Amino acid sequence: MEEKEFDYINVIPLVDVMLVLLTIVLTTSSFIATGMIPIDLPKVVKSRGEMLRTQTIEIDRRGAVYLNTKAVSLEGLKQGLQGQDRNVPILIRADREIALQGFVDVLDLVKSLEFKRVSLQTEERP
């Protein structure tokens, strides 16, 4: 008997297997992302999040400066930030009606202390 040559390759079983694998991956990843898989995490004495707590500097409409909601002068701000790790995130929140010089003074002080992670909070226009 003569063997018949294949004219084509049947890929339907391959597609079926790939769809099953895709379903398994998507289901498992959604469980991991939503935290539905119970995991007992190891405990540490002090987490990195606690060590690098964000320092918030706020400047109100009158130009008063606050460090973590406590009113401070520029010198007090410098003293409050000097003992911090230079990788601590600094968030500056300034009222849009303040004089530019007040904001520049605060930013210059933070820059002179060589903080690496400084950001300015803004709002999106409607």
N, C-alpha and C. Protein backbone atom coordinates (compact mmCIF):
# COMPACT_ATOMS: atom_id res chain seq x y z
N MET A 1 0.82 -1.18 0.00
CA MET A 1 0.00 0.00 0.00
C MET A 1 0.86 1.25 0.00
N GLU A 2 0.35 2.19 -0.62
CA GLU A 2 1.04 3.46 -0.70
C GLU A 2 0.59 4.37 0.43
N GLU A 3 1.57 5.07 1.04
CA GLU A 3 1.22 6.03 2.08
C GLU A 3 0.82 7.34 1.46
N LYS A 4 -0.20 7.93 2.05
CA LYS A 4 -0.69 9.20 1.54
C LYS A 4 0.06 10.34 2.23
N GLU A 5 0.54 11.30 1.47
CA GLU A 5 1.25 12.44 2.06
C GLU A 5 0.25 13.42 2.67
N PHE A 6 0.75 14.12 3.73
CA PHE A 6 -0.10 15.13 4.35
C PHE A 6 -0.14 16.38 3.48
N ASP A 7 -1.32 16.85 3.21
CA ASP A 7 -1.48 18.09 2.46
C ASP A 7 -1.48 19.30 3.40
N TYR A 8 -1.84 19.05 4.67
CA TYR A 8 -1.91 20.13 5.65
C TYR A 8 -1.70 19.55 7.04
N ILE A 9 -1.44 20.45 7.99
CA ILE A 9 -1.28 20.03 9.38
C ILE A 9 -2.52 20.51 10.14
N ASN A 10 -3.11 19.64 10.88
CA ASN A 10 -4.30 19.98 11.66
C ASN A 10 -3.86 20.72 12.92
N VAL A 11 -4.18 22.00 13.03
CA VAL A 11 -3.76 22.81 14.17
C VAL A 11 -4.86 22.98 15.22
N ILE A 12 -6.01 22.41 15.00
CA ILE A 12 -7.13 22.56 15.95
C ILE A 12 -6.77 22.02 17.33
N PRO A 13 -6.16 20.85 17.46
CA PRO A 13 -5.78 20.40 18.81
C PRO A 13 -4.77 21.34 19.47
N LEU A 14 -3.84 21.90 18.71
CA LEU A 14 -2.87 22.85 19.27
C LEU A 14 -3.59 24.09 19.79
N VAL A 15 -4.54 24.59 19.05
CA VAL A 15 -5.31 25.78 19.47
C VAL A 15 -6.10 25.46 20.74
N ASP A 16 -6.68 24.28 20.82
CA ASP A 16 -7.43 23.89 22.01
C ASP A 16 -6.53 23.86 23.25
N VAL A 17 -5.37 23.29 23.11
CA VAL A 17 -4.43 23.22 24.24
C VAL A 17 -4.00 24.62 24.65
N MET A 18 -3.70 25.49 23.69
CA MET A 18 -3.26 26.85 24.00
C MET A 18 -4.37 27.64 24.70
N LEU A 19 -5.62 27.47 24.29
CA LEU A 19 -6.73 28.16 24.95
C LEU A 19 -6.91 27.69 26.39
N VAL A 20 -6.74 26.39 26.63
CA VAL A 20 -6.83 25.87 28.00
C VAL A 20 -5.71 26.46 28.85
N LEU A 21 -4.48 26.49 28.32
CA LEU A 21 -3.36 27.07 29.06
C LEU A 21 -3.58 28.55 29.33
N LEU A 22 -4.09 29.29 28.35
CA LEU A 22 -4.39 30.71 28.54
C LEU A 22 -5.43 30.91 29.64
N THR A 23 -6.46 30.08 29.66
CA THR A 23 -7.49 30.16 30.70
C THR A 23 -6.89 29.91 32.08
N ILE A 24 -6.03 28.93 32.19
CA ILE A 24 -5.39 28.62 33.48
C ILE A 24 -4.53 29.79 33.94
N VAL A 25 -3.74 30.36 33.04
CA VAL A 25 -2.87 31.48 33.40
C VAL A 25 -3.68 32.70 33.83
N LEU A 26 -4.71 33.04 33.08
CA LEU A 26 -5.52 34.21 33.43
C LEU A 26 -6.26 34.02 34.75
N THR A 27 -6.78 32.84 34.98
CA THR A 27 -7.48 32.57 36.25
C THR A 27 -6.52 32.66 37.43
N THR A 28 -5.37 32.04 37.32
CA THR A 28 -4.39 32.06 38.40
C THR A 28 -3.87 33.48 38.66
N SER A 29 -3.59 34.22 37.60
CA SER A 29 -3.06 35.57 37.80
C SER A 29 -4.11 36.49 38.43
N SER A 30 -5.38 36.30 38.11
CA SER A 30 -6.40 37.15 38.74
C SER A 30 -6.53 36.82 40.22
N PHE A 31 -6.36 35.55 40.61
CA PHE A 31 -6.40 35.21 42.03
C PHE A 31 -5.23 35.84 42.77
N ILE A 32 -4.07 35.82 42.16
CA ILE A 32 -2.89 36.40 42.80
C ILE A 32 -3.04 37.91 42.92
N ALA A 33 -3.53 38.57 41.86
CA ALA A 33 -3.65 40.03 41.86
C ALA A 33 -4.69 40.51 42.86
N THR A 34 -5.78 39.79 43.04
CA THR A 34 -6.82 40.23 43.96
C THR A 34 -6.59 39.72 45.38
N GLY A 35 -5.60 38.90 45.56
CA GLY A 35 -5.28 38.42 46.91
C GLY A 35 -6.22 37.33 47.39
N MET A 36 -6.86 36.61 46.49
CA MET A 36 -7.79 35.57 46.89
C MET A 36 -7.08 34.28 47.30
N ILE A 37 -5.83 34.14 46.92
CA ILE A 37 -5.07 32.98 47.35
C ILE A 37 -4.50 33.29 48.73
N PRO A 38 -4.86 32.52 49.74
CA PRO A 38 -4.37 32.83 51.09
C PRO A 38 -2.87 32.54 51.21
N ILE A 39 -2.13 33.58 51.59
CA ILE A 39 -0.68 33.44 51.76
C ILE A 39 -0.33 34.03 53.12
N ASP A 40 0.39 33.28 53.91
CA ASP A 40 0.85 33.76 55.20
C ASP A 40 2.26 34.30 55.00
N LEU A 41 2.38 35.63 54.93
CA LEU A 41 3.66 36.26 54.63
C LEU A 41 4.60 36.21 55.83
N PRO A 42 5.90 36.14 55.60
CA PRO A 42 6.85 36.16 56.71
C PRO A 42 6.85 37.52 57.39
N LYS A 43 7.16 37.53 58.67
CA LYS A 43 7.14 38.76 59.47
C LYS A 43 8.54 39.36 59.56
N VAL A 44 8.59 40.70 59.60
CA VAL A 44 9.85 41.42 59.78
C VAL A 44 9.68 42.39 60.94
N VAL A 45 10.81 42.82 61.48
CA VAL A 45 10.77 43.76 62.59
C VAL A 45 10.31 45.12 62.12
N LYS A 46 10.89 45.62 61.04
CA LYS A 46 10.55 46.93 60.51
C LYS A 46 10.52 46.84 59.00
N SER A 47 9.39 47.19 58.40
CA SER A 47 9.31 47.09 56.95
C SER A 47 9.92 48.32 56.29
N ARG A 48 10.27 48.17 55.03
CA ARG A 48 10.87 49.26 54.26
C ARG A 48 9.90 50.43 54.14
N GLY A 49 8.60 50.13 54.07
CA GLY A 49 7.60 51.18 53.96
C GLY A 49 7.60 52.09 55.18
N GLU A 50 7.85 51.52 56.36
CA GLU A 50 7.90 52.34 57.57
C GLU A 50 9.17 53.18 57.61
N MET A 51 10.27 52.64 57.11
CA MET A 51 11.52 53.38 57.15
C MET A 51 11.49 54.56 56.18
N LEU A 52 10.81 54.41 55.05
CA LEU A 52 10.78 55.45 54.04
C LEU A 52 9.40 56.10 53.97
N ARG A 53 8.88 56.52 55.10
CA ARG A 53 7.57 57.16 55.12
C ARG A 53 7.64 58.50 54.41
N THR A 54 6.71 58.76 53.54
CA THR A 54 6.70 59.99 52.75
C THR A 54 6.59 61.21 53.66
N GLN A 55 7.43 62.18 53.39
CA GLN A 55 7.39 63.46 54.11
C GLN A 55 6.57 64.43 53.24
N THR A 56 5.55 65.03 53.82
CA THR A 56 4.68 65.93 53.07
C THR A 56 4.96 67.37 53.49
N ILE A 57 5.25 68.21 52.50
CA ILE A 57 5.46 69.63 52.74
C ILE A 57 4.29 70.35 52.08
N GLU A 58 3.57 71.14 52.85
CA GLU A 58 2.41 71.87 52.33
C GLU A 58 2.63 73.36 52.49
N ILE A 59 2.21 74.11 51.49
CA ILE A 59 2.30 75.57 51.53
C ILE A 59 0.89 76.10 51.30
N ASP A 60 0.34 76.80 52.30
CA ASP A 60 -1.03 77.28 52.13
C ASP A 60 -1.08 78.62 51.39
N ARG A 61 -2.26 79.14 51.21
CA ARG A 61 -2.47 80.36 50.42
C ARG A 61 -1.71 81.55 50.97
N ARG A 62 -1.53 81.62 52.30
CA ARG A 62 -0.81 82.73 52.92
C ARG A 62 0.71 82.56 52.83
N GLY A 63 1.17 81.38 52.41
CA GLY A 63 2.60 81.13 52.31
C GLY A 63 3.17 80.42 53.52
N ALA A 64 2.30 80.02 54.47
CA ALA A 64 2.76 79.27 55.64
C ALA A 64 3.17 77.86 55.21
N VAL A 65 4.27 77.38 55.78
CA VAL A 65 4.83 76.07 55.41
C VAL A 65 4.52 75.07 56.52
N TYR A 66 4.12 73.87 56.12
CA TYR A 66 3.79 72.80 57.06
C TYR A 66 4.60 71.56 56.68
N LEU A 67 5.17 70.91 57.68
CA LEU A 67 5.86 69.63 57.47
C LEU A 67 5.04 68.57 58.19
N ASN A 68 4.46 67.66 57.42
CA ASN A 68 3.59 66.61 57.97
C ASN A 68 2.50 67.22 58.87
N THR A 69 1.83 68.24 58.39
CA THR A 69 0.71 68.97 59.01
C THR A 69 1.11 69.83 60.22
N LYS A 70 2.39 69.98 60.51
CA LYS A 70 2.84 70.84 61.60
C LYS A 70 3.45 72.11 61.02
N ALA A 71 2.99 73.27 61.47
CA ALA A 71 3.50 74.54 60.96
C ALA A 71 4.97 74.69 61.36
N VAL A 72 5.80 75.06 60.36
CA VAL A 72 7.23 75.26 60.59
C VAL A 72 7.70 76.46 59.77
N SER A 73 8.83 77.03 60.20
CA SER A 73 9.48 78.06 59.40
C SER A 73 10.40 77.34 58.41
N LEU A 74 11.06 78.08 57.54
CA LEU A 74 12.01 77.45 56.62
C LEU A 74 13.15 76.79 57.37
N GLU A 75 13.61 77.44 58.45
CA GLU A 75 14.68 76.85 59.26
C GLU A 75 14.18 75.59 59.96
N GLY A 76 12.94 75.62 60.45
CA GLY A 76 12.35 74.44 61.08
C GLY A 76 12.17 73.31 60.07
N LEU A 77 11.82 73.66 58.84
CA LEU A 77 11.69 72.66 57.78
C LEU A 77 13.04 72.01 57.51
N LYS A 78 14.08 72.83 57.47
CA LYS A 78 15.43 72.30 57.23
C LYS A 78 15.84 71.36 58.35
N GLN A 79 15.58 71.74 59.59
CA GLN A 79 15.93 70.88 60.72
C GLN A 79 15.10 69.59 60.71
N GLY A 80 13.83 69.69 60.32
CA GLY A 80 12.97 68.52 60.29
C GLY A 80 13.37 67.52 59.22
N LEU A 81 13.93 68.01 58.12
CA LEU A 81 14.31 67.13 57.03
C LEU A 81 15.75 66.65 57.11
N GLN A 82 16.60 67.33 57.87
CA GLN A 82 18.03 66.99 57.89
C GLN A 82 18.31 65.58 58.38
N GLY A 83 17.56 65.08 59.33
CA GLY A 83 17.83 63.75 59.87
C GLY A 83 17.26 62.63 59.02
N GLN A 84 16.55 62.96 57.95
CA GLN A 84 15.89 61.94 57.13
C GLN A 84 16.86 61.32 56.12
N ASP A 85 16.55 60.07 55.76
CA ASP A 85 17.28 59.40 54.69
C ASP A 85 17.02 60.14 53.37
N ARG A 86 18.01 60.28 52.53
CA ARG A 86 17.88 61.06 51.29
C ARG A 86 17.02 60.35 50.24
N ASN A 87 16.67 59.09 50.48
CA ASN A 87 15.78 58.36 49.58
C ASN A 87 14.32 58.44 49.99
N VAL A 88 14.03 59.11 51.09
CA VAL A 88 12.65 59.28 51.54
C VAL A 88 11.90 60.12 50.51
N PRO A 89 10.71 59.66 50.09
CA PRO A 89 9.94 60.47 49.14
C PRO A 89 9.44 61.76 49.79
N ILE A 90 9.60 62.87 49.09
CA ILE A 90 9.12 64.17 49.54
C ILE A 90 7.97 64.58 48.61
N LEU A 91 6.81 64.88 49.19
CA LEU A 91 5.66 65.33 48.42
C LEU A 91 5.40 66.80 48.77
N ILE A 92 5.45 67.66 47.77
CA ILE A 92 5.19 69.09 47.99
C ILE A 92 3.79 69.39 47.47
N ARG A 93 2.96 69.94 48.35
CA ARG A 93 1.60 70.36 48.00
C ARG A 93 1.52 71.86 48.24
N ALA A 94 1.33 72.61 47.18
CA ALA A 94 1.30 74.07 47.31
C ALA A 94 0.00 74.61 46.72
N ASP A 95 -0.58 75.58 47.41
CA ASP A 95 -1.78 76.26 46.91
C ASP A 95 -1.42 76.99 45.63
N ARG A 96 -2.31 76.99 44.66
CA ARG A 96 -2.00 77.61 43.37
C ARG A 96 -1.97 79.12 43.43
N GLU A 97 -2.44 79.71 44.52
CA GLU A 97 -2.48 81.17 44.64
C GLU A 97 -1.27 81.75 45.38
N ILE A 98 -0.31 80.91 45.80
CA ILE A 98 0.83 81.42 46.56
C ILE A 98 1.79 82.18 45.66
N ALA A 99 2.60 83.01 46.29
CA ALA A 99 3.66 83.70 45.55
C ALA A 99 4.70 82.67 45.15
N LEU A 100 5.19 82.79 43.94
CA LEU A 100 6.15 81.83 43.41
C LEU A 100 7.40 81.74 44.28
N GLN A 101 7.83 82.85 44.86
CA GLN A 101 9.06 82.86 45.65
C GLN A 101 8.97 81.91 46.85
N GLY A 102 7.80 81.82 47.49
CA GLY A 102 7.63 80.91 48.62
C GLY A 102 7.84 79.46 48.21
N PHE A 103 7.30 79.10 47.06
CA PHE A 103 7.48 77.74 46.55
C PHE A 103 8.94 77.48 46.17
N VAL A 104 9.56 78.44 45.52
CA VAL A 104 10.96 78.30 45.11
C VAL A 104 11.86 78.16 46.33
N ASP A 105 11.58 78.90 47.39
CA ASP A 105 12.39 78.79 48.62
C ASP A 105 12.33 77.38 49.19
N VAL A 106 11.12 76.81 49.24
CA VAL A 106 10.96 75.45 49.77
C VAL A 106 11.66 74.44 48.86
N LEU A 107 11.46 74.56 47.57
CA LEU A 107 12.08 73.63 46.62
C LEU A 107 13.60 73.74 46.67
N ASP A 108 14.13 74.95 46.80
CA ASP A 108 15.57 75.14 46.89
C ASP A 108 16.13 74.50 48.15
N LEU A 109 15.39 74.60 49.25
CA LEU A 109 15.83 74.00 50.51
C LEU A 109 15.87 72.48 50.38
N VAL A 110 14.84 71.89 49.79
CA VAL A 110 14.81 70.43 49.61
C VAL A 110 15.93 69.99 48.67
N LYS A 111 16.16 70.78 47.63
CA LYS A 111 17.23 70.45 46.67
C LYS A 111 18.61 70.56 47.34
N SER A 112 18.79 71.57 48.19
CA SER A 112 20.08 71.74 48.86
C SER A 112 20.38 70.60 49.82
N LEU A 113 19.32 69.96 50.34
CA LEU A 113 19.50 68.81 51.23
C LEU A 113 19.71 67.51 50.44
N GLU A 114 19.68 67.59 49.12
CA GLU A 114 19.98 66.50 48.20
C GLU A 114 19.03 65.31 48.30
N PHE A 115 17.73 65.58 48.45
CA PHE A 115 16.75 64.50 48.41
C PHE A 115 16.59 64.05 46.97
N LYS A 116 16.43 62.73 46.78
CA LYS A 116 16.41 62.16 45.44
C LYS A 116 15.00 61.97 44.90
N ARG A 117 14.01 61.86 45.76
CA ARG A 117 12.65 61.56 45.32
C ARG A 117 11.70 62.68 45.75
N VAL A 118 11.60 63.71 44.91
CA VAL A 118 10.76 64.87 45.21
C VAL A 118 9.66 64.95 44.16
N SER A 119 8.42 65.12 44.60
CA SER A 119 7.32 65.25 43.64
C SER A 119 6.40 66.38 44.07
N LEU A 120 5.66 66.89 43.11
CA LEU A 120 4.73 68.00 43.32
C LEU A 120 3.33 67.48 43.03
N GLN A 121 2.42 67.64 43.97
CA GLN A 121 1.06 67.17 43.76
C GLN A 121 0.26 68.21 43.01
N THR A 122 -0.44 67.78 41.97
CA THR A 122 -1.29 68.65 41.17
C THR A 122 -2.64 67.98 40.98
N GLU A 123 -3.59 68.74 40.44
CA GLU A 123 -4.89 68.19 40.09
C GLU A 123 -5.13 68.38 38.61
N GLU A 124 -5.84 67.46 38.02
CA GLU A 124 -6.16 67.55 36.60
C GLU A 124 -7.29 68.54 36.39
N ARG A 125 -7.18 69.35 35.36
CA ARG A 125 -8.24 70.31 35.06
C ARG A 125 -9.46 69.57 34.52
N PRO A 126 -10.66 70.03 34.91
CA PRO A 126 -11.89 69.36 34.43
C PRO A 126 -12.12 69.57 32.94
